[in-house]
Amino acid sequence: RMGGGPGELREVTHMVARPGGGVVIVDEG
């Protein structure tokens, strides 16, 4: 979900998977 709050996305540049499950989003915003 786009936005400025916790867990919301602003300016995503990369996504990588966590080996145990889940993702890390690199958010420049």
mmCIF file of all heavy atoms, coordinates in Angstrom:
data_MODEL
# 
_entry.id   MODEL 
# 
loop_
_atom_site.group_PDB 
_atom_site.id 
_atom_site.type_symbol 
_atom_site.label_atom_id 
_atom_site.label_alt_id 
_atom_site.label_comp_id 
_atom_site.label_asym_id 
_atom_site.label_entity_id 
_atom_site.label_seq_id 
_atom_site.pdbx_PDB_ins_code 
_atom_site.Cartn_x 
_atom_site.Cartn_y 
_atom_site.Cartn_z 
_atom_site.occupancy 
_atom_site.B_iso_or_equiv 
_atom_site.pdbx_formal_charge 
_atom_site.auth_seq_id 
_atom_site.auth_comp_id 
_atom_site.auth_asym_id 
_atom_site.auth_atom_id 
_atom_site.pdbx_PDB_model_num 
ATOM 1   N N   . ARG A 1 1  ? 0.852  -1.183  0.000  1.00 0.00 ? 1  ARG A N   1 
ATOM 2   C CA  . ARG A 1 1  ? 0.000  0.000   0.000  1.00 0.00 ? 1  ARG A CA  1 
ATOM 3   C C   . ARG A 1 1  ? 0.887  1.231   0.000  1.00 0.00 ? 1  ARG A C   1 
ATOM 4   O O   . ARG A 1 1  ? 1.817  1.340   0.787  1.00 0.00 ? 1  ARG A O   1 
ATOM 5   C CB  . ARG A 1 1  ? -0.908 -0.001  1.235  1.00 0.00 ? 1  ARG A CB  1 
ATOM 6   C CG  . ARG A 1 1  ? -1.893 1.154   1.275  1.00 0.00 ? 1  ARG A CG  1 
ATOM 7   C CD  . ARG A 1 1  ? -2.861 0.995   2.420  1.00 0.00 ? 1  ARG A CD  1 
ATOM 8   N NE  . ARG A 1 1  ? -2.179 0.989   3.710  1.00 0.00 ? 1  ARG A NE  1 
ATOM 9   C CZ  . ARG A 1 1  ? -2.764 0.713   4.866  1.00 0.00 ? 1  ARG A CZ  1 
ATOM 10  N NH1 . ARG A 1 1  ? -4.042 0.364   4.883  1.00 0.00 ? 1  ARG A NH1 1 
ATOM 11  N NH2 . ARG A 1 1  ? -2.089 0.739   5.996  1.00 0.00 ? 1  ARG A NH2 1 
ATOM 12  N N   . MET A 1 2  ? 0.604  2.174   -0.897 1.00 0.00 ? 2  MET A N   1 
ATOM 13  C CA  . MET A 1 2  ? 1.415  3.371   -1.008 1.00 0.00 ? 2  MET A CA  1 
ATOM 14  C C   . MET A 1 2  ? 1.027  4.366   0.082  1.00 0.00 ? 2  MET A C   1 
ATOM 15  O O   . MET A 1 2  ? -0.143 4.518   0.418  1.00 0.00 ? 2  MET A O   1 
ATOM 16  C CB  . MET A 1 2  ? 1.251  4.013   -2.387 1.00 0.00 ? 2  MET A CB  1 
ATOM 17  C CG  . MET A 1 2  ? 1.472  3.061   -3.561 1.00 0.00 ? 2  MET A CG  1 
ATOM 18  S SD  . MET A 1 2  ? 3.067  2.192   -3.523 1.00 0.00 ? 2  MET A SD  1 
ATOM 19  C CE  . MET A 1 2  ? 4.193  3.576   -3.772 1.00 0.00 ? 2  MET A CE  1 
ATOM 20  N N   . GLY A 1 3  ? 2.043  5.030   0.632  1.00 0.00 ? 3  GLY A N   1 
ATOM 21  C CA  . GLY A 1 3  ? 1.776  6.015   1.669  1.00 0.00 ? 3  GLY A CA  1 
ATOM 22  C C   . GLY A 1 3  ? 3.014  6.275   2.500  1.00 0.00 ? 3  GLY A C   1 
ATOM 23  O O   . GLY A 1 3  ? 4.085  5.728   2.257  1.00 0.00 ? 3  GLY A O   1 
ATOM 24  N N   . GLY A 1 4  ? 2.860  7.102   3.507  1.00 0.00 ? 4  GLY A N   1 
ATOM 25  C CA  . GLY A 1 4  ? 3.989  7.479   4.349  1.00 0.00 ? 4  GLY A CA  1 
ATOM 26  C C   . GLY A 1 4  ? 3.981  6.871   5.718  1.00 0.00 ? 4  GLY A C   1 
ATOM 27  O O   . GLY A 1 4  ? 4.879  7.134   6.532  1.00 0.00 ? 4  GLY A O   1 
ATOM 28  N N   . GLY A 1 5  ? 3.002  6.026   6.015  1.00 0.00 ? 5  GLY A N   1 
ATOM 29  C CA  . GLY A 1 5  ? 2.891  5.438   7.338  1.00 0.00 ? 5  GLY A CA  1 
ATOM 30  C C   . GLY A 1 5  ? 3.704  4.173   7.496  1.00 0.00 ? 5  GLY A C   1 
ATOM 31  O O   . GLY A 1 5  ? 4.319  3.681   6.541  1.00 0.00 ? 5  GLY A O   1 
ATOM 32  N N   . PRO A 1 6  ? 3.707  3.588   8.713  1.00 0.00 ? 6  PRO A N   1 
ATOM 33  C CA  . PRO A 1 6  ? 4.439  2.335   8.958  1.00 0.00 ? 6  PRO A CA  1 
ATOM 34  C C   . PRO A 1 6  ? 3.946  1.218   8.044  1.00 0.00 ? 6  PRO A C   1 
ATOM 35  O O   . PRO A 1 6  ? 2.742  0.974   7.932  1.00 0.00 ? 6  PRO A O   1 
ATOM 36  C CB  . PRO A 1 6  ? 4.124  2.033   10.428 1.00 0.00 ? 6  PRO A CB  1 
ATOM 37  C CG  . PRO A 1 6  ? 3.761  3.351   11.024 1.00 0.00 ? 6  PRO A CG  1 
ATOM 38  C CD  . PRO A 1 6  ? 3.066  4.107   9.930  1.00 0.00 ? 6  PRO A CD  1 
ATOM 39  N N   . GLY A 1 7  ? 4.876  0.561   7.368  1.00 0.00 ? 7  GLY A N   1 
ATOM 40  C CA  . GLY A 1 7  ? 4.528  -0.544  6.493  1.00 0.00 ? 7  GLY A CA  1 
ATOM 41  C C   . GLY A 1 7  ? 4.014  -0.116  5.138  1.00 0.00 ? 7  GLY A C   1 
ATOM 42  O O   . GLY A 1 7  ? 3.757  -0.978  4.278  1.00 0.00 ? 7  GLY A O   1 
ATOM 43  N N   . GLU A 1 8  ? 3.862  1.188   4.906  1.00 0.00 ? 8  GLU A N   1 
ATOM 44  C CA  . GLU A 1 8  ? 3.424  1.668   3.601  1.00 0.00 ? 8  GLU A CA  1 
ATOM 45  C C   . GLU A 1 8  ? 4.640  1.996   2.731  1.00 0.00 ? 8  GLU A C   1 
ATOM 46  O O   . GLU A 1 8  ? 5.720  2.288   3.237  1.00 0.00 ? 8  GLU A O   1 
ATOM 47  C CB  . GLU A 1 8  ? 2.526  2.890   3.761  1.00 0.00 ? 8  GLU A CB  1 
ATOM 48  C CG  . GLU A 1 8  ? 1.217  2.567   4.455  1.00 0.00 ? 8  GLU A CG  1 
ATOM 49  C CD  . GLU A 1 8  ? 0.326  3.789   4.609  1.00 0.00 ? 8  GLU A CD  1 
ATOM 50  O OE1 . GLU A 1 8  ? 0.874  4.915   4.727  1.00 0.00 ? 8  GLU A OE1 1 
ATOM 51  O OE2 . GLU A 1 8  ? -0.910 3.614   4.622  1.00 0.00 ? 8  GLU A OE2 1 
ATOM 52  N N   . LEU A 1 9  ? 4.440  1.952   1.439  1.00 0.00 ? 9  LEU A N   1 
ATOM 53  C CA  . LEU A 1 9  ? 5.534  2.114   0.481  1.00 0.00 ? 9  LEU A CA  1 
ATOM 54  C C   . LEU A 1 9  ? 5.505  3.513   -0.122 1.00 0.00 ? 9  LEU A C   1 
ATOM 55  O O   . LEU A 1 9  ? 4.434  4.044   -0.437 1.00 0.00 ? 9  LEU A O   1 
ATOM 56  C CB  . LEU A 1 9  ? 5.425  1.079   -0.629 1.00 0.00 ? 9  LEU A CB  1 
ATOM 57  C CG  . LEU A 1 9  ? 5.227  -0.382  -0.177 1.00 0.00 ? 9  LEU A CG  1 
ATOM 58  C CD1 . LEU A 1 9  ? 5.060  -1.296  -1.387 1.00 0.00 ? 9  LEU A CD1 1 
ATOM 59  C CD2 . LEU A 1 9  ? 6.377  -0.846  0.692  1.00 0.00 ? 9  LEU A CD2 1 
ATOM 60  N N   . ARG A 1 10 ? 6.707  4.102   -0.307 1.00 0.00 ? 10 ARG A N   1 
ATOM 61  C CA  . ARG A 1 10 ? 6.781  5.443   -0.884 1.00 0.00 ? 10 ARG A CA  1 
ATOM 62  C C   . ARG A 1 10 ? 7.518  5.446   -2.218 1.00 0.00 ? 10 ARG A C   1 
ATOM 63  O O   . ARG A 1 10 ? 6.998  5.865   -3.236 1.00 0.00 ? 10 ARG A O   1 
ATOM 64  C CB  . ARG A 1 10 ? 7.470  6.400   0.099  1.00 0.00 ? 10 ARG A CB  1 
ATOM 65  C CG  . ARG A 1 10 ? 6.666  6.670   1.354  1.00 0.00 ? 10 ARG A CG  1 
ATOM 66  C CD  . ARG A 1 10 ? 7.383  7.669   2.257  1.00 0.00 ? 10 ARG A CD  1 
ATOM 67  N NE  . ARG A 1 10 ? 7.552  8.969   1.604  1.00 0.00 ? 10 ARG A NE  1 
ATOM 68  C CZ  . ARG A 1 10 ? 8.212  9.996   2.152  1.00 0.00 ? 10 ARG A CZ  1 
ATOM 69  N NH1 . ARG A 1 10 ? 8.778  9.850   3.345  1.00 0.00 ? 10 ARG A NH1 1 
ATOM 70  N NH2 . ARG A 1 10 ? 8.311  11.131  1.513  1.00 0.00 ? 10 ARG A NH2 1 
ATOM 71  N N   . GLU A 1 11 ? 8.756  4.972   -2.213 1.00 0.00 ? 11 GLU A N   1 
ATOM 72  C CA  . GLU A 1 11 ? 9.575  4.971   -3.432 1.00 0.00 ? 11 GLU A CA  1 
ATOM 73  C C   . GLU A 1 11 ? 10.433 3.705   -3.439 1.00 0.00 ? 11 GLU A C   1 
ATOM 74  O O   . GLU A 1 11 ? 11.583 3.712   -3.020 1.00 0.00 ? 11 GLU A O   1 
ATOM 75  C CB  . GLU A 1 11 ? 10.453 6.223   -3.486 1.00 0.00 ? 11 GLU A CB  1 
ATOM 76  C CG  . GLU A 1 11 ? 11.229 6.381   -4.778 1.00 0.00 ? 11 GLU A CG  1 
ATOM 77  C CD  . GLU A 1 11 ? 12.129 7.609   -4.763 1.00 0.00 ? 11 GLU A CD  1 
ATOM 78  O OE1 . GLU A 1 11 ? 11.933 8.496   -3.901 1.00 0.00 ? 11 GLU A OE1 1 
ATOM 79  O OE2 . GLU A 1 11 ? 13.041 7.665   -5.610 1.00 0.00 ? 11 GLU A OE2 1 
ATOM 80  N N   . VAL A 1 12 ? 9.855  2.639   -3.917 1.00 0.00 ? 12 VAL A N   1 
ATOM 81  C CA  . VAL A 1 12 ? 10.520 1.335   -3.897 1.00 0.00 ? 12 VAL A CA  1 
ATOM 82  C C   . VAL A 1 12 ? 11.521 1.261   -5.045 1.00 0.00 ? 12 VAL A C   1 
ATOM 83  O O   . VAL A 1 12 ? 11.192 1.555   -6.197 1.00 0.00 ? 12 VAL A O   1 
ATOM 84  C CB  . VAL A 1 12 ? 9.502  0.198   -4.006 1.00 0.00 ? 12 VAL A CB  1 
ATOM 85  C CG1 . VAL A 1 12 ? 10.209 -1.153  -4.088 1.00 0.00 ? 12 VAL A CG1 1 
ATOM 86  C CG2 . VAL A 1 12 ? 8.538  0.234   -2.824 1.00 0.00 ? 12 VAL A CG2 1 
ATOM 87  N N   . THR A 1 13 ? 12.750 0.863   -4.720 1.00 0.00 ? 13 THR A N   1 
ATOM 88  C CA  . THR A 1 13 ? 13.758 0.678   -5.757 1.00 0.00 ? 13 THR A CA  1 
ATOM 89  C C   . THR A 1 13 ? 14.177 -0.777  -5.919 1.00 0.00 ? 13 THR A C   1 
ATOM 90  O O   . THR A 1 13 ? 14.627 -1.174  -6.995 1.00 0.00 ? 13 THR A O   1 
ATOM 91  C CB  . THR A 1 13 ? 15.002 1.529   -5.468 1.00 0.00 ? 13 THR A CB  1 
ATOM 92  O OG1 . THR A 1 13 ? 15.530 1.178   -4.185 1.00 0.00 ? 13 THR A OG1 1 
ATOM 93  C CG2 . THR A 1 13 ? 14.660 3.012   -5.477 1.00 0.00 ? 13 THR A CG2 1 
ATOM 94  N N   . HIS A 1 14 ? 14.062 -1.578  -4.857 1.00 0.00 ? 14 HIS A N   1 
ATOM 95  C CA  . HIS A 1 14 ? 14.471 -2.980  -4.929 1.00 0.00 ? 14 HIS A CA  1 
ATOM 96  C C   . HIS A 1 14 ? 13.631 -3.812  -3.959 1.00 0.00 ? 14 HIS A C   1 
ATOM 97  O O   . HIS A 1 14 ? 13.149 -3.310  -2.938 1.00 0.00 ? 14 HIS A O   1 
ATOM 98  C CB  . HIS A 1 14 ? 15.947 -3.165  -4.558 1.00 0.00 ? 14 HIS A CB  1 
ATOM 99  C CG  . HIS A 1 14 ? 16.894 -2.422  -5.442 1.00 0.00 ? 14 HIS A CG  1 
ATOM 100 N ND1 . HIS A 1 14 ? 17.328 -2.907  -6.653 1.00 0.00 ? 14 HIS A ND1 1 
ATOM 101 C CD2 . HIS A 1 14 ? 17.500 -1.221  -5.283 1.00 0.00 ? 14 HIS A CD2 1 
ATOM 102 C CE1 . HIS A 1 14 ? 18.147 -2.035  -7.207 1.00 0.00 ? 14 HIS A CE1 1 
ATOM 103 N NE2 . HIS A 1 14 ? 18.275 -1.003  -6.397 1.00 0.00 ? 14 HIS A NE2 1 
ATOM 104 N N   . MET A 1 15 ? 13.475 -5.085  -4.285 1.00 0.00 ? 15 MET A N   1 
ATOM 105 C CA  . MET A 1 15 ? 12.887 -6.070  -3.385 1.00 0.00 ? 15 MET A CA  1 
ATOM 106 C C   . MET A 1 15 ? 13.754 -7.320  -3.430 1.00 0.00 ? 15 MET A C   1 
ATOM 107 O O   . MET A 1 15 ? 14.120 -7.780  -4.517 1.00 0.00 ? 15 MET A O   1 
ATOM 108 C CB  . MET A 1 15 ? 11.456 -6.425  -3.814 1.00 0.00 ? 15 MET A CB  1 
ATOM 109 C CG  . MET A 1 15 ? 10.810 -7.522  -2.956 1.00 0.00 ? 15 MET A CG  1 
ATOM 110 S SD  . MET A 1 15 ? 9.617  -8.537  -3.879 1.00 0.00 ? 15 MET A SD  1 
ATOM 111 C CE  . MET A 1 15 ? 10.728 -9.569  -4.859 1.00 0.00 ? 15 MET A CE  1 
ATOM 112 N N   . VAL A 1 16 ? 14.107 -7.862  -2.257 1.00 0.00 ? 16 VAL A N   1 
ATOM 113 C CA  . VAL A 1 16 ? 14.817 -9.133  -2.185 1.00 0.00 ? 16 VAL A CA  1 
ATOM 114 C C   . VAL A 1 16 ? 14.096 -10.042 -1.208 1.00 0.00 ? 16 VAL A C   1 
ATOM 115 O O   . VAL A 1 16 ? 13.466 -9.573  -0.258 1.00 0.00 ? 16 VAL A O   1 
ATOM 116 C CB  . VAL A 1 16 ? 16.297 -8.952  -1.768 1.00 0.00 ? 16 VAL A CB  1 
ATOM 117 C CG1 . VAL A 1 16 ? 17.074 -8.202  -2.824 1.00 0.00 ? 16 VAL A CG1 1 
ATOM 118 C CG2 . VAL A 1 16 ? 16.400 -8.245  -0.422 1.00 0.00 ? 16 VAL A CG2 1 
ATOM 119 N N   . ALA A 1 17 ? 14.177 -11.349 -1.466 1.00 0.00 ? 17 ALA A N   1 
ATOM 120 C CA  . ALA A 1 17 ? 13.532 -12.311 -0.589 1.00 0.00 ? 17 ALA A CA  1 
ATOM 121 C C   . ALA A 1 17 ? 14.412 -12.636 0.615  1.00 0.00 ? 17 ALA A C   1 
ATOM 122 O O   . ALA A 1 17 ? 15.644 -12.683 0.498  1.00 0.00 ? 17 ALA A O   1 
ATOM 123 C CB  . ALA A 1 17 ? 13.217 -13.594 -1.363 1.00 0.00 ? 17 ALA A CB  1 
ATOM 124 N N   . ARG A 1 18 ? 13.786 -12.841 1.750  1.00 0.00 ? 18 ARG A N   1 
ATOM 125 C CA  . ARG A 1 18 ? 14.495 -13.326 2.928  1.00 0.00 ? 18 ARG A CA  1 
ATOM 126 C C   . ARG A 1 18 ? 14.546 -14.855 2.838  1.00 0.00 ? 18 ARG A C   1 
ATOM 127 O O   . ARG A 1 18 ? 13.520 -15.492 2.534  1.00 0.00 ? 18 ARG A O   1 
ATOM 128 C CB  . ARG A 1 18 ? 13.772 -12.888 4.194  1.00 0.00 ? 18 ARG A CB  1 
ATOM 129 C CG  . ARG A 1 18 ? 13.590 -11.383 4.292  1.00 0.00 ? 18 ARG A CG  1 
ATOM 130 C CD  . ARG A 1 18 ? 12.532 -11.004 5.303  1.00 0.00 ? 18 ARG A CD  1 
ATOM 131 N NE  . ARG A 1 18 ? 12.917 -11.346 6.675  1.00 0.00 ? 18 ARG A NE  1 
ATOM 132 C CZ  . ARG A 1 18 ? 12.083 -11.272 7.709  1.00 0.00 ? 18 ARG A CZ  1 
ATOM 133 N NH1 . ARG A 1 18 ? 10.814 -10.916 7.523  1.00 0.00 ? 18 ARG A NH1 1 
ATOM 134 N NH2 . ARG A 1 18 ? 12.501 -11.579 8.913  1.00 0.00 ? 18 ARG A NH2 1 
ATOM 135 N N   . PRO A 1 19 ? 15.684 -15.476 3.065  1.00 0.00 ? 19 PRO A N   1 
ATOM 136 C CA  . PRO A 1 19 ? 15.779 -16.928 2.893  1.00 0.00 ? 19 PRO A CA  1 
ATOM 137 C C   . PRO A 1 19 ? 14.722 -17.709 3.680  1.00 0.00 ? 19 PRO A C   1 
ATOM 138 O O   . PRO A 1 19 ? 14.161 -18.687 3.170  1.00 0.00 ? 19 PRO A O   1 
ATOM 139 C CB  . PRO A 1 19 ? 17.191 -17.246 3.385  1.00 0.00 ? 19 PRO A CB  1 
ATOM 140 C CG  . PRO A 1 19 ? 17.946 -15.980 3.198  1.00 0.00 ? 19 PRO A CG  1 
ATOM 141 C CD  . PRO A 1 19 ? 16.975 -14.875 3.450  1.00 0.00 ? 19 PRO A CD  1 
ATOM 142 N N   . GLY A 1 20 ? 14.437 -17.278 4.895  1.00 0.00 ? 20 GLY A N   1 
ATOM 143 C CA  . GLY A 1 20 ? 13.456 -17.984 5.718  1.00 0.00 ? 20 GLY A CA  1 
ATOM 144 C C   . GLY A 1 20 ? 12.022 -17.635 5.414  1.00 0.00 ? 20 GLY A C   1 
ATOM 145 O O   . GLY A 1 20 ? 11.104 -18.200 6.008  1.00 0.00 ? 20 GLY A O   1 
ATOM 146 N N   . GLY A 1 21 ? 11.800 -16.715 4.487  1.00 0.00 ? 21 GLY A N   1 
ATOM 147 C CA  . GLY A 1 21 ? 10.449 -16.317 4.123  1.00 0.00 ? 21 GLY A CA  1 
ATOM 148 C C   . GLY A 1 21 ? 10.224 -14.838 4.361  1.00 0.00 ? 21 GLY A C   1 
ATOM 149 O O   . GLY A 1 21 ? 10.654 -14.282 5.371  1.00 0.00 ? 21 GLY A O   1 
ATOM 150 N N   . GLY A 1 22 ? 9.539  -14.191 3.430  1.00 0.00 ? 22 GLY A N   1 
ATOM 151 C CA  . GLY A 1 22 ? 9.303  -12.762 3.525  1.00 0.00 ? 22 GLY A CA  1 
ATOM 152 C C   . GLY A 1 22 ? 10.237 -11.992 2.610  1.00 0.00 ? 22 GLY A C   1 
ATOM 153 O O   . GLY A 1 22 ? 11.061 -12.576 1.893  1.00 0.00 ? 22 GLY A O   1 
ATOM 154 N N   . VAL A 1 23 ? 10.110 -10.681 2.637  1.00 0.00 ? 23 VAL A N   1 
ATOM 155 C CA  . VAL A 1 23 ? 10.911 -9.841  1.760  1.00 0.00 ? 23 VAL A CA  1 
ATOM 156 C C   . VAL A 1 23 ? 11.472 -8.644  2.513  1.00 0.00 ? 23 VAL A C   1 
ATOM 157 O O   . VAL A 1 23 ? 10.979 -8.262  3.568  1.00 0.00 ? 23 VAL A O   1 
ATOM 158 C CB  . VAL A 1 23 ? 10.097 -9.319  0.550  1.00 0.00 ? 23 VAL A CB  1 
ATOM 159 C CG1 . VAL A 1 23 ? 9.644  -10.455 -0.339 1.00 0.00 ? 23 VAL A CG1 1 
ATOM 160 C CG2 . VAL A 1 23 ? 8.932  -8.453  1.000  1.00 0.00 ? 23 VAL A CG2 1 
ATOM 161 N N   . VAL A 1 24 ? 12.529 -8.077  1.933  1.00 0.00 ? 24 VAL A N   1 
ATOM 162 C CA  . VAL A 1 24 ? 13.057 -6.783  2.351  1.00 0.00 ? 24 VAL A CA  1 
ATOM 163 C C   . VAL A 1 24 ? 12.851 -5.829  1.187  1.00 0.00 ? 24 VAL A C   1 
ATOM 164 O O   . VAL A 1 24 ? 13.285 -6.106  0.070  1.00 0.00 ? 24 VAL A O   1 
ATOM 165 C CB  . VAL A 1 24 ? 14.549 -6.862  2.724  1.00 0.00 ? 24 VAL A CB  1 
ATOM 166 C CG1 . VAL A 1 24 ? 15.072 -5.470  3.095  1.00 0.00 ? 24 VAL A CG1 1 
ATOM 167 C CG2 . VAL A 1 24 ? 14.782 -7.844  3.857  1.00 0.00 ? 24 VAL A CG2 1 
ATOM 168 N N   . ILE A 1 25 ? 12.189 -4.709  1.452  1.00 0.00 ? 25 ILE A N   1 
ATOM 169 C CA  . ILE A 1 25 ? 11.948 -3.678  0.452  1.00 0.00 ? 25 ILE A CA  1 
ATOM 170 C C   . ILE A 1 25 ? 12.934 -2.538  0.693  1.00 0.00 ? 25 ILE A C   1 
ATOM 171 O O   . ILE A 1 25 ? 13.039 -2.015  1.806  1.00 0.00 ? 25 ILE A O   1 
ATOM 172 C CB  . ILE A 1 25 ? 10.516 -3.128  0.546  1.00 0.00 ? 25 ILE A CB  1 
ATOM 173 C CG1 . ILE A 1 25 ? 9.487  -4.234  0.320  1.00 0.00 ? 25 ILE A CG1 1 
ATOM 174 C CG2 . ILE A 1 25 ? 10.319 -1.978  -0.433 1.00 0.00 ? 25 ILE A CG2 1 
ATOM 175 C CD1 . ILE A 1 25 ? 9.461  -4.793  -1.062 1.00 0.00 ? 25 ILE A CD1 1 
ATOM 176 N N   . VAL A 1 26 ? 13.675 -2.165  -0.347 1.00 0.00 ? 26 VAL A N   1 
ATOM 177 C CA  . VAL A 1 26 ? 14.539 -0.991  -0.261 1.00 0.00 ? 26 VAL A CA  1 
ATOM 178 C C   . VAL A 1 26 ? 13.702 0.198   -0.716 1.00 0.00 ? 26 VAL A C   1 
ATOM 179 O O   . VAL A 1 26 ? 13.334 0.303   -1.882 1.00 0.00 ? 26 VAL A O   1 
ATOM 180 C CB  . VAL A 1 26 ? 15.794 -1.147  -1.136 1.00 0.00 ? 26 VAL A CB  1 
ATOM 181 C CG1 . VAL A 1 26 ? 16.702 0.071   -0.984 1.00 0.00 ? 26 VAL A CG1 1 
ATOM 182 C CG2 . VAL A 1 26 ? 16.549 -2.420  -0.769 1.00 0.00 ? 26 VAL A CG2 1 
ATOM 183 N N   . ASP A 1 27 ? 13.370 1.073   0.232  1.00 0.00 ? 27 ASP A N   1 
ATOM 184 C CA  . ASP A 1 27 ? 12.472 2.192   -0.033 1.00 0.00 ? 27 ASP A CA  1 
ATOM 185 C C   . ASP A 1 27 ? 13.241 3.502   0.095  1.00 0.00 ? 27 ASP A C   1 
ATOM 186 O O   . ASP A 1 27 ? 13.581 3.933   1.202  1.00 0.00 ? 27 ASP A O   1 
ATOM 187 C CB  . ASP A 1 27 ? 11.298 2.167   0.940  1.00 0.00 ? 27 ASP A CB  1 
ATOM 188 C CG  . ASP A 1 27 ? 10.165 3.093   0.522  1.00 0.00 ? 27 ASP A CG  1 
ATOM 189 O OD1 . ASP A 1 27 ? 10.456 4.276   0.249  1.00 0.00 ? 27 ASP A OD1 1 
ATOM 190 O OD2 . ASP A 1 27 ? 9.004  2.650   0.480  1.00 0.00 ? 27 ASP A OD2 1 
ATOM 191 N N   . GLU A 1 28 ? 13.548 4.132   -1.048 1.00 0.00 ? 28 GLU A N   1 
ATOM 192 C CA  . GLU A 1 28 ? 14.301 5.381   -1.034 1.00 0.00 ? 28 GLU A CA  1 
ATOM 193 C C   . GLU A 1 28 ? 13.485 6.524   -0.442 1.00 0.00 ? 28 GLU A C   1 
ATOM 194 O O   . GLU A 1 28 ? 14.044 7.487   0.082  1.00 0.00 ? 28 GLU A O   1 
ATOM 195 C CB  . GLU A 1 28 ? 14.745 5.743   -2.454 1.00 0.00 ? 28 GLU A CB  1 
ATOM 196 C CG  . GLU A 1 28 ? 15.766 4.806   -3.050 1.00 0.00 ? 28 GLU A CG  1 
ATOM 197 C CD  . GLU A 1 28 ? 17.153 4.999   -2.452 1.00 0.00 ? 28 GLU A CD  1 
ATOM 198 O OE1 . GLU A 1 28 ? 17.351 5.992   -1.746 1.00 0.00 ? 28 GLU A OE1 1 
ATOM 199 O OE2 . GLU A 1 28 ? 18.015 4.146   -2.701 1.00 0.00 ? 28 GLU A OE2 1 
ATOM 200 N N   . GLY A 1 29 ? 12.159 6.438   -0.547 1.00 0.00 ? 29 GLY A N   1 
ATOM 201 C CA  . GLY A 1 29 ? 11.319 7.473   0.032  1.00 0.00 ? 29 GLY A CA  1 
ATOM 202 C C   . GLY A 1 29 ? 11.411 7.509   1.545  1.00 0.00 ? 29 GLY A C   1 
ATOM 203 O O   . GLY A 1 29 ? 11.502 8.579   2.158  1.00 0.00 ? 29 GLY A O   1 
# 
